[in-house]
Amino acid sequence: MDLRDTVSLFCATLGPIGRMPRAPGTWGSAVATLAAPAVFLPLPGGWRVLVLVLLFLGGGLVATRAEQLLGAKDPGQVVIDEVLGQWIVFAPLAAPDAFELGLGFALFRLFDITKPPPVRASERWLPDGYGVMIDDVLAGLYGCLVLGIIHWLRS
């Protein structure tokens, strides 16, 4: 494995997070939730959108390579998609409190695991690693919508 493969695999799996023996997707979402207040949420709105677009594009590339290296379609070890989906949930909120962070985490996991329509079907809309990423985009949008409504009701 060359350096590009090593870096791709590290990025796709968030290093050791994707190699957790149980529920690597949940661990990836947890890391994304914990990192969001320091890394993602301080950014202004336009920068958040740019980060999400770059995560989708770069995540699709590294997920594609990880699928090839791991010899599986959408391997559980790939958790970069969880970061994207989880941050989409929080993207419109200026400064979510601990309750909203916890609820956003739970909502994303709910929609990512249950895959309501068209989340499951979306996995086949795009090729390779982009199919891995797009279902988490949709699960994140569902979570964002529900969290946004709850945030509005609490205001």
C-alpha atoms as a PDB file:
ATOM      1  CA  MET A   1       0.000   0.000   0.000  1.00  0.00           C
ATOM      2  CA  ASP A   2       1.467   3.366  -0.991  1.00  0.00           C
ATOM      3  CA  LEU A   3       1.197   6.662   0.905  1.00  0.00           C
ATOM      4  CA  ARG A   4      -1.903   7.809  -1.016  1.00  0.00           C
ATOM      5  CA  ASP A   5      -3.686   4.572  -0.120  1.00  0.00           C
ATOM      6  CA  THR A   6      -2.672   4.918   3.527  1.00  0.00           C
ATOM      7  CA  VAL A   7      -3.907   8.517   3.671  1.00  0.00           C
ATOM      8  CA  SER A   8      -7.151   7.622   1.861  1.00  0.00           C
ATOM      9  CA  LEU A   9      -7.858   4.778   4.248  1.00  0.00           C
ATOM     10  CA  PHE A  10      -6.987   6.918   7.281  1.00  0.00           C
ATOM     11  CA  CYS A  11      -9.325   9.702   6.141  1.00  0.00           C
ATOM     12  CA  ALA A  12     -12.157   7.340   5.179  1.00  0.00           C
ATOM     13  CA  THR A  13     -12.019   5.531   8.525  1.00  0.00           C
ATOM     14  CA  LEU A  14     -11.062   8.533  10.696  1.00  0.00           C
ATOM     15  CA  GLY A  15      -8.017   6.560  11.727  1.00  0.00           C
ATOM     16  CA  PRO A  16      -8.936   4.085  14.454  1.00  0.00           C
ATOM     17  CA  ILE A  17     -12.595   5.166  14.737  1.00  0.00           C
ATOM     18  CA  GLY A  18     -13.767   3.128  11.753  1.00  0.00           C
ATOM     19  CA  ARG A  19     -11.961   0.095  13.119  1.00  0.00           C
ATOM     20  CA  MET A  20     -13.945   0.015  16.368  1.00  0.00           C
ATOM     21  CA  PRO A  21     -15.213  -3.548  16.815  1.00  0.00           C
ATOM     22  CA  ARG A  22     -18.858  -2.537  17.309  1.00  0.00           C
ATOM     23  CA  ALA A  23     -20.938   0.216  15.688  1.00  0.00           C
ATOM     24  CA  PRO A  24     -18.183   2.153  13.897  1.00  0.00           C
ATOM     25  CA  GLY A  25     -20.811   4.419  12.305  1.00  0.00           C
ATOM     26  CA  THR A  26     -22.110   5.420  15.716  1.00  0.00           C
ATOM     27  CA  TRP A  27     -18.566   6.105  16.888  1.00  0.00           C
ATOM     28  CA  GLY A  28     -17.933   8.185  13.751  1.00  0.00           C
ATOM     29  CA  SER A  29     -21.096  10.199  14.429  1.00  0.00           C
ATOM     30  CA  ALA A  30     -20.068  10.664  18.063  1.00  0.00           C
ATOM     31  CA  VAL A  31     -16.661  11.992  17.043  1.00  0.00           C
ATOM     32  CA  ALA A  32     -18.301  14.334  14.515  1.00  0.00           C
ATOM     33  CA  THR A  33     -20.733  15.590  17.172  1.00  0.00           C
ATOM     34  CA  LEU A  34     -17.966  16.181  19.703  1.00  0.00           C
ATOM     35  CA  ALA A  35     -15.766  17.922  17.115  1.00  0.00           C
ATOM     36  CA  ALA A  36     -18.529  20.112  15.656  1.00  0.00           C
ATOM     37  CA  PRO A  37     -18.510  22.844  18.360  1.00  0.00           C
ATOM     38  CA  ALA A  38     -14.759  23.353  17.954  1.00  0.00           C
ATOM     39  CA  VAL A  39     -14.212  22.671  14.248  1.00  0.00           C
ATOM     40  CA  PHE A  40     -17.442  23.219  12.304  1.00  0.00           C
ATOM     41  CA  LEU A  41     -19.910  25.380  14.218  1.00  0.00           C
ATOM     42  CA  PRO A  42     -17.618  28.412  14.726  1.00  0.00           C
ATOM     43  CA  LEU A  43     -17.523  28.866  10.942  1.00  0.00           C
ATOM     44  CA  PRO A  44     -19.849  31.380   9.271  1.00  0.00           C
ATOM     45  CA  GLY A  45     -22.660  29.944   7.110  1.00  0.00           C
ATOM     46  CA  GLY A  46     -20.918  30.165   3.747  1.00  0.00           C
ATOM     47  CA  TRP A  47     -17.817  28.440   5.103  1.00  0.00           C
ATOM     48  CA  ARG A  48     -19.970  25.689   6.573  1.00  0.00           C
ATOM     49  CA  VAL A  49     -21.490  25.045   3.146  1.00  0.00           C
ATOM     50  CA  LEU A  50     -18.017  24.969   1.599  1.00  0.00           C
ATOM     51  CA  VAL A  51     -16.799  22.490   4.238  1.00  0.00           C
ATOM     52  CA  LEU A  52     -19.817  20.248   3.569  1.00  0.00           C
ATOM     53  CA  VAL A  53     -19.243  20.344  -0.203  1.00  0.00           C
ATOM     54  CA  LEU A  54     -15.545  19.563   0.250  1.00  0.00           C
ATOM     55  CA  LEU A  55     -16.387  16.751   2.685  1.00  0.00           C
ATOM     56  CA  PHE A  56     -18.764  15.265   0.117  1.00  0.00           C
ATOM     57  CA  LEU A  57     -16.256  15.506  -2.732  1.00  0.00           C
ATOM     58  CA  GLY A  58     -13.194  14.428  -0.762  1.00  0.00           C
ATOM     59  CA  GLY A  59     -15.145  11.847   1.215  1.00  0.00           C
ATOM     60  CA  GLY A  60     -16.425  10.315  -2.003  1.00  0.00           C
ATOM     61  CA  LEU A  61     -12.870   9.995  -3.297  1.00  0.00           C
ATOM     62  CA  VAL A  62     -11.445   8.405  -0.156  1.00  0.00           C
ATOM     63  CA  ALA A  63     -14.509   6.166   0.286  1.00  0.00           C
ATOM     64  CA  THR A  64     -14.087   4.939  -3.292  1.00  0.00           C
ATOM     65  CA  ARG A  65     -10.457   4.043  -2.629  1.00  0.00           C
ATOM     66  CA  ALA A  66     -11.320   2.474   0.734  1.00  0.00           C
ATOM     67  CA  GLU A  67     -13.915   0.255  -0.959  1.00  0.00           C
ATOM     68  CA  GLN A  68     -11.240  -0.925  -3.370  1.00  0.00           C
ATOM     69  CA  LEU A  69      -8.644  -1.496  -0.662  1.00  0.00           C
ATOM     70  CA  LEU A  70     -11.064  -3.231   1.716  1.00  0.00           C
ATOM     71  CA  GLY A  71     -12.701  -5.243  -1.070  1.00  0.00           C
ATOM     72  CA  ALA A  72     -16.277  -4.394  -0.077  1.00  0.00           C
ATOM     73  CA  LYS A  73     -19.106  -2.111  -1.105  1.00  0.00           C
ATOM     74  CA  ASP A  74     -19.824   0.495   1.612  1.00  0.00           C
ATOM     75  CA  PRO A  75     -17.632  -1.187   4.249  1.00  0.00           C
ATOM     76  CA  GLY A  76     -18.539  -0.453   7.852  1.00  0.00           C
ATOM     77  CA  GLN A  77     -15.054   0.882   8.512  1.00  0.00           C
ATOM     78  CA  VAL A  78     -15.720   3.902   6.276  1.00  0.00           C
ATOM     79  CA  VAL A  79     -17.115   6.591   8.567  1.00  0.00           C
ATOM     80  CA  ILE A  80     -16.239   9.837   6.766  1.00  0.00           C
ATOM     81  CA  ASP A  81     -19.850   9.808   5.558  1.00  0.00           C
ATOM     82  CA  GLU A  82     -21.027  10.001   9.175  1.00  0.00           C
ATOM     83  CA  VAL A  83     -19.071  13.211   9.670  1.00  0.00           C
ATOM     84  CA  LEU A  84     -20.763  14.768   6.647  1.00  0.00           C
ATOM     85  CA  GLY A  85     -24.263  13.659   7.622  1.00  0.00           C
ATOM     86  CA  GLN A  86     -23.833  14.620  11.250  1.00  0.00           C
ATOM     87  CA  TRP A  87     -22.545  18.095  10.410  1.00  0.00           C
ATOM     88  CA  ILE A  88     -25.448  18.624   7.998  1.00  0.00           C
ATOM     89  CA  VAL A  89     -27.779  18.130  10.964  1.00  0.00           C
ATOM     90  CA  PHE A  90     -26.104  21.000  12.820  1.00  0.00           C
ATOM     91  CA  ALA A  91     -25.317  23.266   9.847  1.00  0.00           C
ATOM     92  CA  PRO A  92     -28.153  25.822  10.198  1.00  0.00           C
ATOM     93  CA  LEU A  93     -27.840  26.262  13.968  1.00  0.00           C
ATOM     94  CA  ALA A  94     -25.721  29.134  15.228  1.00  0.00           C
ATOM     95  CA  ALA A  95     -24.724  27.544  18.532  1.00  0.00           C
ATOM     96  CA  PRO A  96     -26.594  24.383  19.495  1.00  0.00           C
ATOM     97  CA  ASP A  97     -26.656  23.672  23.206  1.00  0.00           C
ATOM     98  CA  ALA A  98     -25.834  20.287  24.738  1.00  0.00           C
ATOM     99  CA  PHE A  99     -29.456  19.120  24.401  1.00  0.00           C
ATOM    100  CA  GLU A 100     -29.512  19.977  20.686  1.00  0.00           C
ATOM    101  CA  LEU A 101     -26.135  18.341  20.096  1.00  0.00           C
ATOM    102  CA  GLY A 102     -27.336  15.144  21.774  1.00  0.00           C
ATOM    103  CA  LEU A 103     -30.671  15.216  19.974  1.00  0.00           C
ATOM    104  CA  GLY A 104     -28.984  15.947  16.639  1.00  0.00           C
ATOM    105  CA  PHE A 105     -26.688  12.973  17.182  1.00  0.00           C
ATOM    106  CA  ALA A 106     -29.659  10.699  18.005  1.00  0.00           C
ATOM    107  CA  LEU A 107     -31.737  11.937  15.069  1.00  0.00           C
ATOM    108  CA  PHE A 108     -28.940  11.397  12.577  1.00  0.00           C
ATOM    109  CA  ARG A 109     -28.280   7.890  13.867  1.00  0.00           C
ATOM    110  CA  LEU A 110     -32.019   7.118  13.709  1.00  0.00           C
ATOM    111  CA  PHE A 111     -32.332   8.222  10.077  1.00  0.00           C
ATOM    112  CA  ASP A 112     -28.992   6.698   9.058  1.00  0.00           C
ATOM    113  CA  ILE A 113     -29.880   3.309  10.537  1.00  0.00           C
ATOM    114  CA  THR A 114     -33.562   3.125   9.551  1.00  0.00           C
ATOM    115  CA  LYS A 115     -32.957   4.678   6.111  1.00  0.00           C
ATOM    116  CA  PRO A 116     -36.458   6.016   5.394  1.00  0.00           C
ATOM    117  CA  PRO A 117     -37.304   6.652   1.732  1.00  0.00           C
ATOM    118  CA  PRO A 118     -35.447   7.769  -0.291  1.00  0.00           C
ATOM    119  CA  VAL A 119     -32.337   7.323   1.905  1.00  0.00           C
ATOM    120  CA  ARG A 120     -31.850   3.615   1.145  1.00  0.00           C
ATOM    121  CA  ALA A 121     -32.508   4.052  -2.586  1.00  0.00           C
ATOM    122  CA  SER A 122     -30.047   6.956  -2.766  1.00  0.00           C
ATOM    123  CA  GLU A 123     -27.113   4.593  -2.177  1.00  0.00           C
ATOM    124  CA  ARG A 124     -27.558   3.533  -5.816  1.00  0.00           C
ATOM    125  CA  TRP A 125     -27.920   7.036  -7.283  1.00  0.00           C
ATOM    126  CA  LEU A 126     -24.205   7.713  -7.477  1.00  0.00           C
ATOM    127  CA  PRO A 127     -21.233   5.472  -8.226  1.00  0.00           C
ATOM    128  CA  ASP A 128     -18.594   4.194  -5.843  1.00  0.00           C
ATOM    129  CA  GLY A 129     -17.834   6.215  -2.713  1.00  0.00           C
ATOM    130  CA  TYR A 130     -20.313   8.920  -3.662  1.00  0.00           C
ATOM    131  CA  GLY A 131     -23.099   6.393  -3.151  1.00  0.00           C
ATOM    132  CA  VAL A 132     -21.655   5.843   0.328  1.00  0.00           C
ATOM    133  CA  MET A 133     -21.826   9.593   0.998  1.00  0.00           C
ATOM    134  CA  ILE A 134     -25.230  10.503  -0.466  1.00  0.00           C
ATOM    135  CA  ASP A 135     -27.389   8.417   1.862  1.00  0.00           C
ATOM    136  CA  ASP A 136     -25.784  10.172   4.830  1.00  0.00           C
ATOM    137  CA  VAL A 137     -26.501  13.522   3.183  1.00  0.00           C
ATOM    138  CA  LEU A 138     -30.192  12.625   3.056  1.00  0.00           C
ATOM    139  CA  ALA A 139     -30.222  11.185   6.583  1.00  0.00           C
ATOM    140  CA  GLY A 140     -28.526  14.409   7.702  1.00  0.00           C
ATOM    141  CA  LEU A 141     -31.171  16.509   5.951  1.00  0.00           C
ATOM    142  CA  TYR A 142     -33.940  14.573   7.713  1.00  0.00           C
ATOM    143  CA  GLY A 143     -32.197  15.095  11.041  1.00  0.00           C
ATOM    144  CA  CYS A 144     -31.621  18.766  10.236  1.00  0.00           C
ATOM    145  CA  LEU A 145     -35.302  19.282   9.478  1.00  0.00           C
ATOM    146  CA  VAL A 146     -36.494  17.644  12.701  1.00  0.00           C
ATOM    147  CA  LEU A 147     -33.852  19.357  14.828  1.00  0.00           C
ATOM    148  CA  GLY A 148     -34.668  22.691  13.200  1.00  0.00           C
ATOM    149  CA  ILE A 149     -38.342  22.311  14.087  1.00  0.00           C
ATOM    150  CA  ILE A 150     -37.512  21.393  17.675  1.00  0.00           C
ATOM    151  CA  HIS A 151     -35.065  24.315  17.902  1.00  0.00           C
ATOM    152  CA  TRP A 152     -37.767  26.668  16.587  1.00  0.00           C
ATOM    153  CA  LEU A 153     -40.326  25.305  19.081  1.00  0.00           C
ATOM    154  CA  ARG A 154     -37.867  25.793  21.959  1.00  0.00           C
ATOM    155  CA  SER A 155     -37.100  29.398  20.981  1.00  0.00           C
END
